[in-house]
Amino acid sequence: MLTPEAGVLEGAVWRKSSRSGSAGHCVEVAMVADGHYVGVRNSRQPDGAALVFTRKEWEAFAGGVKDGEFELPE
């Protein structure tokens, strides 16, 4: 995760997770800087802080999710 240049999230088109429920526990993501970075934010606080990852970091995370690496123990 990194701190991008000021304004890199400006004009970002945010997408809400399809897994978001009606309780407002939503995550939004946006591809920014021509796809070099991915922004992640809480949809309930759109003016709050956003995490920014490189594309490679995001792909590694998404791959881990798909592979079940983050399953909660029963």
PDB file of N, CA and C in Angstrom:
ATOM      1  N   MET A   1       0.850  -1.160   0.000  1.00  0.00           N
ATOM      2  CA  MET A   1       0.000   0.000   0.000  1.00  0.00           C
ATOM      3  C   MET A   1       0.896   1.223   0.000  1.00  0.00           C
ATOM      4  N   LEU A   2       0.449   2.269  -0.646  1.00  0.00           N
ATOM      5  CA  LEU A   2       1.291   3.448  -0.750  1.00  0.00           C
ATOM      6  C   LEU A   2       0.483   4.714  -0.649  1.00  0.00           C
ATOM      7  N   THR A   3       1.175   5.799  -0.500  1.00  0.00           N
ATOM      8  CA  THR A   3       0.544   7.107  -0.504  1.00  0.00           C
ATOM      9  C   THR A   3       0.792   7.704  -1.880  1.00  0.00           C
ATOM     10  N   PRO A   4      -0.251   7.792  -2.700  1.00  0.00           N
ATOM     11  CA  PRO A   4      -0.070   8.298  -4.065  1.00  0.00           C
ATOM     12  C   PRO A   4       0.039   9.816  -4.080  1.00  0.00           C
ATOM     13  N   GLU A   5       0.375  10.329  -5.233  1.00  0.00           N
ATOM     14  CA  GLU A   5       0.409  11.777  -5.419  1.00  0.00           C
ATOM     15  C   GLU A   5      -0.952  12.366  -5.094  1.00  0.00           C
ATOM     16  N   ALA A   6      -0.952  13.571  -4.590  1.00  0.00           N
ATOM     17  CA  ALA A   6      -2.211  14.258  -4.318  1.00  0.00           C
ATOM     18  C   ALA A   6      -3.040  14.316  -5.592  1.00  0.00           C
ATOM     19  N   GLY A   7      -4.317  14.044  -5.475  1.00  0.00           N
ATOM     20  CA  GLY A   7      -5.222  14.141  -6.615  1.00  0.00           C
ATOM     21  C   GLY A   7      -5.361  12.881  -7.439  1.00  0.00           C
ATOM     22  N   VAL A   8      -4.619  11.811  -7.122  1.00  0.00           N
ATOM     23  CA  VAL A   8      -4.703  10.605  -7.950  1.00  0.00           C
ATOM     24  C   VAL A   8      -6.109   9.998  -7.902  1.00  0.00           C
ATOM     25  N   LEU A   9      -6.857  10.230  -6.814  1.00  0.00           N
ATOM     26  CA  LEU A   9      -8.206   9.693  -6.709  1.00  0.00           C
ATOM     27  C   LEU A   9      -9.265  10.640  -7.272  1.00  0.00           C
ATOM     28  N   GLU A  10      -8.847  11.843  -7.642  1.00  0.00           N
ATOM     29  CA  GLU A  10      -9.783  12.822  -8.174  1.00  0.00           C
ATOM     30  C   GLU A  10     -10.406  12.295  -9.469  1.00  0.00           C
ATOM     31  N   GLY A  11     -11.721  12.358  -9.536  1.00  0.00           N
ATOM     32  CA  GLY A  11     -12.429  11.894 -10.723  1.00  0.00           C
ATOM     33  C   GLY A  11     -12.581  10.388 -10.820  1.00  0.00           C
ATOM     34  N   ALA A  12     -12.204   9.665  -9.759  1.00  0.00           N
ATOM     35  CA  ALA A  12     -12.309   8.206  -9.773  1.00  0.00           C
ATOM     36  C   ALA A  12     -13.772   7.783  -9.898  1.00  0.00           C
ATOM     37  N   VAL A  13     -14.004   6.701 -10.609  1.00  0.00           N
ATOM     38  CA  VAL A  13     -15.336   6.119 -10.735  1.00  0.00           C
ATOM     39  C   VAL A  13     -15.372   4.920  -9.792  1.00  0.00           C
ATOM     40  N   TRP A  14     -16.112   5.069  -8.698  1.00  0.00           N
ATOM     41  CA  TRP A  14     -16.161   4.055  -7.653  1.00  0.00           C
ATOM     42  C   TRP A  14     -17.246   3.029  -7.942  1.00  0.00           C
ATOM     43  N   ARG A  15     -16.915   1.757  -7.678  1.00  0.00           N
ATOM     44  CA  ARG A  15     -17.870   0.655  -7.845  1.00  0.00           C
ATOM     45  C   ARG A  15     -18.061  -0.014  -6.493  1.00  0.00           C
ATOM     46  N   LYS A  16     -19.314  -0.262  -6.152  1.00  0.00           N
ATOM     47  CA  LYS A  16     -19.631  -0.921  -4.889  1.00  0.00           C
ATOM     48  C   LYS A  16     -19.569  -2.439  -5.082  1.00  0.00           C
ATOM     49  N   SER A  17     -19.094  -3.127  -4.083  1.00  0.00           N
ATOM     50  CA  SER A  17     -19.016  -4.577  -4.123  1.00  0.00           C
ATOM     51  C   SER A  17     -20.394  -5.193  -4.320  1.00  0.00           C
ATOM     52  N   SER A  18     -20.466  -6.207  -5.143  1.00  0.00           N
ATOM     53  CA  SER A  18     -21.734  -6.908  -5.351  1.00  0.00           C
ATOM     54  C   SER A  18     -22.132  -7.700  -4.109  1.00  0.00           C
ATOM     55  N   ARG A  19     -21.206  -7.881  -3.183  1.00  0.00           N
ATOM     56  CA  ARG A  19     -21.473  -8.600  -1.931  1.00  0.00           C
ATOM     57  C   ARG A  19     -21.951  -7.674  -0.821  1.00  0.00           C
ATOM     58  N   SER A  20     -22.054  -6.409  -1.099  1.00  0.00           N
ATOM     59  CA  SER A  20     -22.482  -5.451  -0.080  1.00  0.00           C
ATOM     60  C   SER A  20     -23.925  -5.716   0.311  1.00  0.00           C
ATOM     61  N   GLY A  21     -24.183  -5.678   1.590  1.00  0.00           N
ATOM     62  CA  GLY A  21     -25.528  -5.914   2.082  1.00  0.00           C
ATOM     63  C   GLY A  21     -26.277  -4.613   2.303  1.00  0.00           C
ATOM     64  N   SER A  22     -27.507  -4.732   2.721  1.00  0.00           N
ATOM     65  CA  SER A  22     -28.347  -3.557   2.954  1.00  0.00           C
ATOM     66  C   SER A  22     -28.014  -2.864   4.273  1.00  0.00           C
ATOM     67  N   ALA A  23     -27.160  -3.454   5.093  1.00  0.00           N
ATOM     68  CA  ALA A  23     -26.806  -2.866   6.395  1.00  0.00           C
ATOM     69  C   ALA A  23     -25.771  -1.751   6.255  1.00  0.00           C
ATOM     70  N   GLY A  24     -25.302  -1.504   5.057  1.00  0.00           N
ATOM     71  CA  GLY A  24     -24.361  -0.417   4.835  1.00  0.00           C
ATOM     72  C   GLY A  24     -22.902  -0.780   5.040  1.00  0.00           C
ATOM     73  N   HIS A  25     -22.607  -2.057   5.099  1.00  0.00           N
ATOM     74  CA  HIS A  25     -21.220  -2.502   5.246  1.00  0.00           C
ATOM     75  C   HIS A  25     -20.630  -2.690   3.857  1.00  0.00           C
ATOM     76  N   CYS A  26     -20.329  -1.581   3.218  1.00  0.00           N
ATOM     77  CA  CYS A  26     -19.958  -1.627   1.806  1.00  0.00           C
ATOM     78  C   CYS A  26     -18.530  -1.159   1.560  1.00  0.00           C
ATOM     79  N   VAL A  27     -17.914  -1.805   0.618  1.00  0.00           N
ATOM     80  CA  VAL A  27     -16.583  -1.434   0.158  1.00  0.00           C
ATOM     81  C   VAL A  27     -16.723  -1.019  -1.298  1.00  0.00           C
ATOM     82  N   GLU A  28     -16.040   0.059  -1.666  1.00  0.00           N
ATOM     83  CA  GLU A  28     -16.028   0.498  -3.052  1.00  0.00           C
ATOM     84  C   GLU A  28     -14.587   0.496  -3.549  1.00  0.00           C
ATOM     85  N   VAL A  29     -14.426   0.191  -4.829  1.00  0.00           N
ATOM     86  CA  VAL A  29     -13.095   0.208  -5.435  1.00  0.00           C
ATOM     87  C   VAL A  29     -13.132   1.058  -6.697  1.00  0.00           C
ATOM     88  N   ALA A  30     -11.974   1.597  -7.057  1.00  0.00           N
ATOM     89  CA  ALA A  30     -11.853   2.383  -8.283  1.00  0.00           C
ATOM     90  C   ALA A  30     -10.462   2.179  -8.865  1.00  0.00           C
ATOM     91  N   MET A  31     -10.405   1.955 -10.155  1.00  0.00           N
ATOM     92  CA  MET A  31      -9.127   1.919 -10.863  1.00  0.00           C
ATOM     93  C   MET A  31      -8.753   3.364 -11.146  1.00  0.00           C
ATOM     94  N   VAL A  32      -7.538   3.754 -10.804  1.00  0.00           N
ATOM     95  CA  VAL A  32      -7.111   5.138 -10.995  1.00  0.00           C
ATOM     96  C   VAL A  32      -5.750   5.190 -11.672  1.00  0.00           C
ATOM     97  N   ALA A  33      -5.385   6.370 -12.119  1.00  0.00           N
ATOM     98  CA  ALA A  33      -4.087   6.599 -12.774  1.00  0.00           C
ATOM     99  C   ALA A  33      -3.864   5.601 -13.905  1.00  0.00           C
ATOM    100  N   ASP A  34      -4.838   5.559 -14.816  1.00  0.00           N
ATOM    101  CA  ASP A  34      -4.770   4.656 -15.975  1.00  0.00           C
ATOM    102  C   ASP A  34      -4.604   3.198 -15.588  1.00  0.00           C
ATOM    103  N   GLY A  35      -5.199   2.810 -14.457  1.00  0.00           N
ATOM    104  CA  GLY A  35      -5.163   1.415 -14.030  1.00  0.00           C
ATOM    105  C   GLY A  35      -3.910   1.004 -13.293  1.00  0.00           C
ATOM    106  N   HIS A  36      -3.031   1.942 -12.991  1.00  0.00           N
ATOM    107  CA  HIS A  36      -1.796   1.607 -12.270  1.00  0.00           C
ATOM    108  C   HIS A  36      -2.038   1.422 -10.776  1.00  0.00           C
ATOM    109  N   TYR A  37      -3.135   2.004 -10.274  1.00  0.00           N
ATOM    110  CA  TYR A  37      -3.465   1.923  -8.855  1.00  0.00           C
ATOM    111  C   TYR A  37      -4.929   1.552  -8.684  1.00  0.00           C
ATOM    112  N   VAL A  38      -5.242   0.999  -7.502  1.00  0.00           N
ATOM    113  CA  VAL A  38      -6.619   0.681  -7.140  1.00  0.00           C
ATOM    114  C   VAL A  38      -6.908   1.369  -5.812  1.00  0.00           C
ATOM    115  N   GLY A  39      -7.980   2.179  -5.790  1.00  0.00           N
ATOM    116  CA  GLY A  39      -8.414   2.820  -4.562  1.00  0.00           C
ATOM    117  C   GLY A  39      -9.500   1.989  -3.915  1.00  0.00           C
ATOM    118  N   VAL A  40      -9.500   1.944  -2.584  1.00  0.00           N
ATOM    119  CA  VAL A  40     -10.513   1.207  -1.823  1.00  0.00           C
ATOM    120  C   VAL A  40     -11.016   2.140  -0.726  1.00  0.00           C
ATOM    121  N   ARG A  41     -12.333   2.251  -0.588  1.00  0.00           N
ATOM    122  CA  ARG A  41     -12.886   3.123   0.443  1.00  0.00           C
ATOM    123  C   ARG A  41     -14.169   2.544   1.024  1.00  0.00           C
ATOM    124  N   ASN A  42     -14.571   3.104   2.154  1.00  0.00           N
ATOM    125  CA  ASN A  42     -15.821   2.775   2.811  1.00  0.00           C
ATOM    126  C   ASN A  42     -16.913   3.611   2.159  1.00  0.00           C
ATOM    127  N   SER A  43     -17.937   2.985   1.614  1.00  0.00           N
ATOM    128  CA  SER A  43     -18.985   3.731   0.916  1.00  0.00           C
ATOM    129  C   SER A  43     -19.791   4.626   1.848  1.00  0.00           C
ATOM    130  N   ARG A  44     -19.779   4.329   3.129  1.00  0.00           N
ATOM    131  CA  ARG A  44     -20.499   5.167   4.087  1.00  0.00           C
ATOM    132  C   ARG A  44     -19.741   6.453   4.402  1.00  0.00           C
ATOM    133  N   GLN A  45     -18.474   6.506   4.032  1.00  0.00           N
ATOM    134  CA  GLN A  45     -17.650   7.696   4.252  1.00  0.00           C
ATOM    135  C   GLN A  45     -16.903   8.058   2.968  1.00  0.00           C
ATOM    136  N   PRO A  46     -17.630   8.438   1.921  1.00  0.00           N
ATOM    137  CA  PRO A  46     -16.991   8.693   0.628  1.00  0.00           C
ATOM    138  C   PRO A  46     -15.977   9.838   0.641  1.00  0.00           C
ATOM    139  N   ASP A  47     -16.091  10.731   1.608  1.00  0.00           N
ATOM    140  CA  ASP A  47     -15.124  11.828   1.700  1.00  0.00           C
ATOM    141  C   ASP A  47     -13.992  11.511   2.666  1.00  0.00           C
ATOM    142  N   GLY A  48     -14.021  10.309   3.235  1.00  0.00           N
ATOM    143  CA  GLY A  48     -12.985   9.903   4.178  1.00  0.00           C
ATOM    144  C   GLY A  48     -11.757   9.371   3.451  1.00  0.00           C
ATOM    145  N   ALA A  49     -10.892   8.775   4.218  1.00  0.00           N
ATOM    146  CA  ALA A  49      -9.648   8.234   3.675  1.00  0.00           C
ATOM    147  C   ALA A  49      -9.920   7.045   2.755  1.00  0.00           C
ATOM    148  N   ALA A  50      -9.036   6.862   1.810  1.00  0.00           N
ATOM    149  CA  ALA A  50      -9.084   5.696   0.918  1.00  0.00           C
ATOM    150  C   ALA A  50      -7.718   5.029   0.952  1.00  0.00           C
ATOM    151  N   LEU A  51      -7.727   3.725   0.874  1.00  0.00           N
ATOM    152  CA  LEU A  51      -6.476   2.985   0.735  1.00  0.00           C
ATOM    153  C   LEU A  51      -6.141   2.908  -0.742  1.00  0.00           C
ATOM    154  N   VAL A  52      -4.874   2.989  -1.071  1.00  0.00           N
ATOM    155  CA  VAL A  52      -4.460   2.913  -2.471  1.00  0.00           C
ATOM    156  C   VAL A  52      -3.383   1.840  -2.602  1.00  0.00           C
ATOM    157  N   PHE A  53      -3.602   0.927  -3.524  1.00  0.00           N
ATOM    158  CA  PHE A  53      -2.689  -0.181  -3.765  1.00  0.00           C
ATOM    159  C   PHE A  53      -2.204  -0.135  -5.212  1.00  0.00           C
ATOM    160  N   THR A  54      -1.029  -0.682  -5.450  1.00  0.00           N
ATOM    161  CA  THR A  54      -0.596  -0.835  -6.833  1.00  0.00           C
ATOM    162  C   THR A  54      -1.450  -1.926  -7.463  1.00  0.00           C
ATOM    163  N   ARG A  55      -1.467  -1.955  -8.763  1.00  0.00           N
ATOM    164  CA  ARG A  55      -2.245  -2.993  -9.456  1.00  0.00           C
ATOM    165  C   ARG A  55      -1.762  -4.388  -9.067  1.00  0.00           C
ATOM    166  N   LYS A  56      -0.448  -4.576  -8.951  1.00  0.00           N
ATOM    167  CA  LYS A  56       0.094  -5.892  -8.584  1.00  0.00           C
ATOM    168  C   LYS A  56      -0.320  -6.294  -7.172  1.00  0.00           C
ATOM    169  N   GLU A  57      -0.314  -5.335  -6.238  1.00  0.00           N
ATOM    170  CA  GLU A  57      -0.760  -5.630  -4.870  1.00  0.00           C
ATOM    171  C   GLU A  57      -2.224  -6.057  -4.866  1.00  0.00           C
ATOM    172  N   TRP A  58      -3.057  -5.337  -5.624  1.00  0.00           N
ATOM    173  CA  TRP A  58      -4.476  -5.659  -5.681  1.00  0.00           C
ATOM    174  C   TRP A  58      -4.700  -7.033  -6.313  1.00  0.00           C
ATOM    175  N   GLU A  59      -3.980  -7.337  -7.375  1.00  0.00           N
ATOM    176  CA  GLU A  59      -4.121  -8.645  -8.023  1.00  0.00           C
ATOM    177  C   GLU A  59      -3.712  -9.771  -7.080  1.00  0.00           C
ATOM    178  N   ALA A  60      -2.663  -9.565  -6.274  1.00  0.00           N
ATOM    179  CA  ALA A  60      -2.247 -10.575  -5.300  1.00  0.00           C
ATOM    180  C   ALA A  60      -3.331 -10.768  -4.244  1.00  0.00           C
ATOM    181  N   PHE A  61      -3.915  -9.677  -3.754  1.00  0.00           N
ATOM    182  CA  PHE A  61      -4.985  -9.766  -2.764  1.00  0.00           C
ATOM    183  C   PHE A  61      -6.202 -10.485  -3.342  1.00  0.00           C
ATOM    184  N   ALA A  62      -6.647 -10.047  -4.527  1.00  0.00           N
ATOM    185  CA  ALA A  62      -7.825 -10.649  -5.145  1.00  0.00           C
ATOM    186  C   ALA A  62      -7.599 -12.140  -5.422  1.00  0.00           C
ATOM    187  N   GLY A  63      -6.390 -12.503  -5.832  1.00  0.00           N
ATOM    188  CA  GLY A  63      -6.069 -13.913  -6.045  1.00  0.00           C
ATOM    189  C   GLY A  63      -6.162 -14.709  -4.751  1.00  0.00           C
ATOM    190  N   GLY A  64      -5.687 -14.130  -3.647  1.00  0.00           N
ATOM    191  CA  GLY A  64      -5.784 -14.792  -2.346  1.00  0.00           C
ATOM    192  C   GLY A  64      -7.226 -14.989  -1.924  1.00  0.00           C
ATOM    193  N   VAL A  65      -8.067 -14.001  -2.199  1.00  0.00           N
ATOM    194  CA  VAL A  65      -9.490 -14.130  -1.881  1.00  0.00           C
ATOM    195  C   VAL A  65     -10.095 -15.270  -2.691  1.00  0.00           C
ATOM    196  N   LYS A  66      -9.822 -15.295  -3.981  1.00  0.00           N
ATOM    197  CA  LYS A  66     -10.362 -16.352  -4.840  1.00  0.00           C
ATOM    198  C   LYS A  66      -9.894 -17.732  -4.424  1.00  0.00           C
ATOM    199  N   ASP A  67      -8.656 -17.815  -3.923  1.00  0.00           N
ATOM    200  CA  ASP A  67      -8.098 -19.100  -3.505  1.00  0.00           C
ATOM    201  C   ASP A  67      -8.488 -19.503  -2.096  1.00  0.00           C
ATOM    202  N   GLY A  68      -9.266 -18.657  -1.410  1.00  0.00           N
ATOM    203  CA  GLY A  68      -9.742 -18.996  -0.070  1.00  0.00           C
ATOM    204  C   GLY A  68      -8.723 -18.761   1.032  1.00  0.00           C
ATOM    205  N   GLU A  69      -7.681 -17.988   0.768  1.00  0.00           N
ATOM    206  CA  GLU A  69      -6.633 -17.760   1.766  1.00  0.00           C
ATOM    207  C   GLU A  69      -7.113 -16.990   2.986  1.00  0.00           C
ATOM    208  N   PHE A  70      -8.236 -16.312   2.875  1.00  0.00           N
ATOM    209  CA  PHE A  70      -8.708 -15.468   3.970  1.00  0.00           C
ATOM    210  C   PHE A  70      -9.995 -15.978   4.611  1.00  0.00           C
ATOM    211  N   GLU A  71     -10.270 -17.261   4.434  1.00  0.00           N
ATOM    212  CA  GLU A  71     -11.473 -17.833   5.038  1.00  0.00           C
ATOM    213  C   GLU A  71     -11.345 -17.766   6.561  1.00  0.00           C
ATOM    214  N   LEU A  72     -12.450 -17.421   7.203  1.00  0.00           N
ATOM    215  CA  LEU A  72     -12.456 -17.364   8.657  1.00  0.00           C
ATOM    216  C   LEU A  72     -12.541 -18.778   9.231  1.00  0.00           C
ATOM    217  N   PRO A  73     -11.838 -19.036  10.331  1.00  0.00           N
ATOM    218  CA  PRO A  73     -11.917 -20.356  10.947  1.00  0.00           C
ATOM    219  C   PRO A  73     -13.312 -20.580  11.538  1.00  0.00           C
ATOM    220  N   GLU A  74     -13.732 -21.803  11.527  1.00  0.00           N
ATOM    221  CA  GLU A  74     -15.066 -22.122  12.078  1.00  0.00           C
ATOM    222  C   GLU A  74     -14.990 -22.336  13.566  1.00  0.00           C
TER     223      GLU A  74
END
